[in-house]
C-alpha atoms as a PDB file:
ATOM      1  CA  UNK A   1       2.575 -24.586  -4.258  1.00  0.00           C
ATOM      2  CA  UNK A   2       3.374 -23.484  -7.805  1.00  0.00           C
ATOM      3  CA  UNK A   3       0.327 -25.425  -9.022  1.00  0.00           C
ATOM      4  CA  UNK A   4      -1.972 -23.290  -6.856  1.00  0.00           C
ATOM      5  CA  UNK A   5      -0.196 -19.938  -6.908  1.00  0.00           C
ATOM      6  CA  UNK A   6      -2.736 -18.492  -9.351  1.00  0.00           C
ATOM      7  CA  UNK A   7      -5.532 -18.909  -6.793  1.00  0.00           C
ATOM      8  CA  UNK A   8      -3.734 -17.489  -3.730  1.00  0.00           C
ATOM      9  CA  UNK A   9      -4.498 -13.961  -2.561  1.00  0.00           C
ATOM     10  CA  UNK A  10      -3.303 -11.744   0.257  1.00  0.00           C
ATOM     11  CA  UNK A  11      -5.464  -9.109   1.896  1.00  0.00           C
ATOM     12  CA  UNK A  12      -4.614  -6.373   4.329  1.00  0.00           C
ATOM     13  CA  UNK A  13      -5.923  -3.283   6.068  1.00  0.00           C
ATOM     14  CA  UNK A  14      -3.740  -0.215   6.352  1.00  0.00           C
ATOM     15  CA  UNK A  15      -4.024   3.303   7.766  1.00  0.00           C
ATOM     16  CA  UNK A  16      -3.239   6.497   5.874  1.00  0.00           C
ATOM     17  CA  UNK A  17      -2.980   9.825   7.734  1.00  0.00           C
ATOM     18  CA  UNK A  18      -3.924  12.740   5.487  1.00  0.00           C
ATOM     19  CA  UNK A  19      -2.457  16.235   5.283  1.00  0.00           C
ATOM     20  CA  UNK A  20      -5.499  17.539   7.185  1.00  0.00           C
ATOM     21  CA  UNK A  21      -4.853  15.060  10.035  1.00  0.00           C
ATOM     22  CA  UNK A  22      -7.718  12.753   9.118  1.00  0.00           C
ATOM     23  CA  UNK A  23      -7.316   8.992   9.148  1.00  0.00           C
ATOM     24  CA  UNK A  24      -8.279   6.854   6.155  1.00  0.00           C
ATOM     25  CA  UNK A  25      -8.507   3.067   6.336  1.00  0.00           C
ATOM     26  CA  UNK A  26      -7.546   1.105   3.256  1.00  0.00           C
ATOM     27  CA  UNK A  27      -8.354  -2.465   2.258  1.00  0.00           C
ATOM     28  CA  UNK A  28      -6.375  -4.205  -0.474  1.00  0.00           C
ATOM     29  CA  UNK A  29      -6.507  -7.647  -2.066  1.00  0.00           C
ATOM     30  CA  UNK A  30      -3.427  -8.780  -4.009  1.00  0.00           C
ATOM     31  CA  UNK A  31      -3.182 -11.732  -6.382  1.00  0.00           C
ATOM     32  CA  UNK A  32       0.024 -13.560  -5.557  1.00  0.00           C
ATOM     33  CA  UNK A  33       0.572 -15.171  -8.960  1.00  0.00           C
ATOM     34  CA  UNK A  34       1.295 -11.906 -10.787  1.00  0.00           C
ATOM     35  CA  UNK A  35       1.415  -9.596  -7.778  1.00  0.00           C
ATOM     36  CA  UNK A  36      -1.438  -7.512  -9.079  1.00  0.00           C
ATOM     37  CA  UNK A  37      -4.061  -5.515  -7.216  1.00  0.00           C
ATOM     38  CA  UNK A  38      -7.381  -7.373  -7.444  1.00  0.00           C
ATOM     39  CA  UNK A  39      -9.408  -5.011  -5.263  1.00  0.00           C
ATOM     40  CA  UNK A  40      -8.792  -1.772  -3.394  1.00  0.00           C
ATOM     41  CA  UNK A  41     -11.012   0.579  -1.414  1.00  0.00           C
ATOM     42  CA  UNK A  42     -10.709   3.297   1.240  1.00  0.00           C
ATOM     43  CA  UNK A  43     -13.117   4.491   3.933  1.00  0.00           C
ATOM     44  CA  UNK A  44     -13.086   6.807   6.915  1.00  0.00           C
ATOM     45  CA  UNK A  45     -15.120   4.451   9.126  1.00  0.00           C
ATOM     46  CA  UNK A  46     -14.625   0.724   8.447  1.00  0.00           C
ATOM     47  CA  UNK A  47     -17.352  -1.551   9.770  1.00  0.00           C
ATOM     48  CA  UNK A  48     -17.880  -5.291   9.620  1.00  0.00           C
ATOM     49  CA  UNK A  49     -20.546  -4.721   6.957  1.00  0.00           C
ATOM     50  CA  UNK A  50     -18.169  -2.613   4.840  1.00  0.00           C
ATOM     51  CA  UNK A  51     -15.418  -5.222   5.185  1.00  0.00           C
ATOM     52  CA  UNK A  52     -17.693  -8.084   4.162  1.00  0.00           C
ATOM     53  CA  UNK A  53     -18.879  -6.042   1.171  1.00  0.00           C
ATOM     54  CA  UNK A  54     -15.263  -5.557   0.084  1.00  0.00           C
ATOM     55  CA  UNK A  55     -14.652  -9.302   0.234  1.00  0.00           C
ATOM     56  CA  UNK A  56     -17.777  -9.928  -1.857  1.00  0.00           C
ATOM     57  CA  UNK A  57     -16.634  -7.346  -4.409  1.00  0.00           C
ATOM     58  CA  UNK A  58     -13.154  -8.873  -4.575  1.00  0.00           C
ATOM     59  CA  UNK A  59     -14.652 -12.332  -5.103  1.00  0.00           C
ATOM     60  CA  UNK A  60     -16.649 -10.989  -8.055  1.00  0.00           C
ATOM     61  CA  UNK A  61     -13.305 -10.111  -9.548  1.00  0.00           C
ATOM     62  CA  UNK A  62     -12.188 -13.734  -9.312  1.00  0.00           C
ATOM     63  CA  UNK A  63     -10.406 -13.855  -5.955  1.00  0.00           C
ATOM     64  CA  UNK A  64     -11.095 -16.739  -3.592  1.00  0.00           C
ATOM     65  CA  UNK A  65     -10.554 -16.631   0.161  1.00  0.00           C
ATOM     66  CA  UNK A  66      -9.691 -18.960   2.987  1.00  0.00           C
ATOM     67  CA  UNK A  67      -9.306 -17.568   6.491  1.00  0.00           C
ATOM     68  CA  UNK A  68      -5.778 -18.049   7.855  1.00  0.00           C
ATOM     69  CA  UNK A  69      -4.997 -15.019  10.041  1.00  0.00           C
ATOM     70  CA  UNK A  70      -1.365 -14.545  10.979  1.00  0.00           C
ATOM     71  CA  UNK A  71      -2.013 -12.202  13.864  1.00  0.00           C
ATOM     72  CA  UNK A  72      -4.791 -11.570  16.337  1.00  0.00           C
ATOM     73  CA  UNK A  73      -6.921  -8.459  16.482  1.00  0.00           C
ATOM     74  CA  UNK A  74      -5.117  -5.142  16.939  1.00  0.00           C
ATOM     75  CA  UNK A  75      -4.659  -4.056  20.535  1.00  0.00           C
ATOM     76  CA  UNK A  76      -6.072  -0.716  21.612  1.00  0.00           C
END
């Protein structure tokens, strides 16, 4: 694993409530080798198109992805 640590990334969505009771959705990509932020963005209305654009932008920065979800979709 140490041989490939430089190419591993973690990505996550998170929710941020604001002081005016709005909800912001964040997307972050972290490089695991140096624990640095590779890409970060926030939106009020995430869509599949927005999410795919964020992944494309993060890849331009040098991140590579392989889909291995740990959990299923969020329940409503």
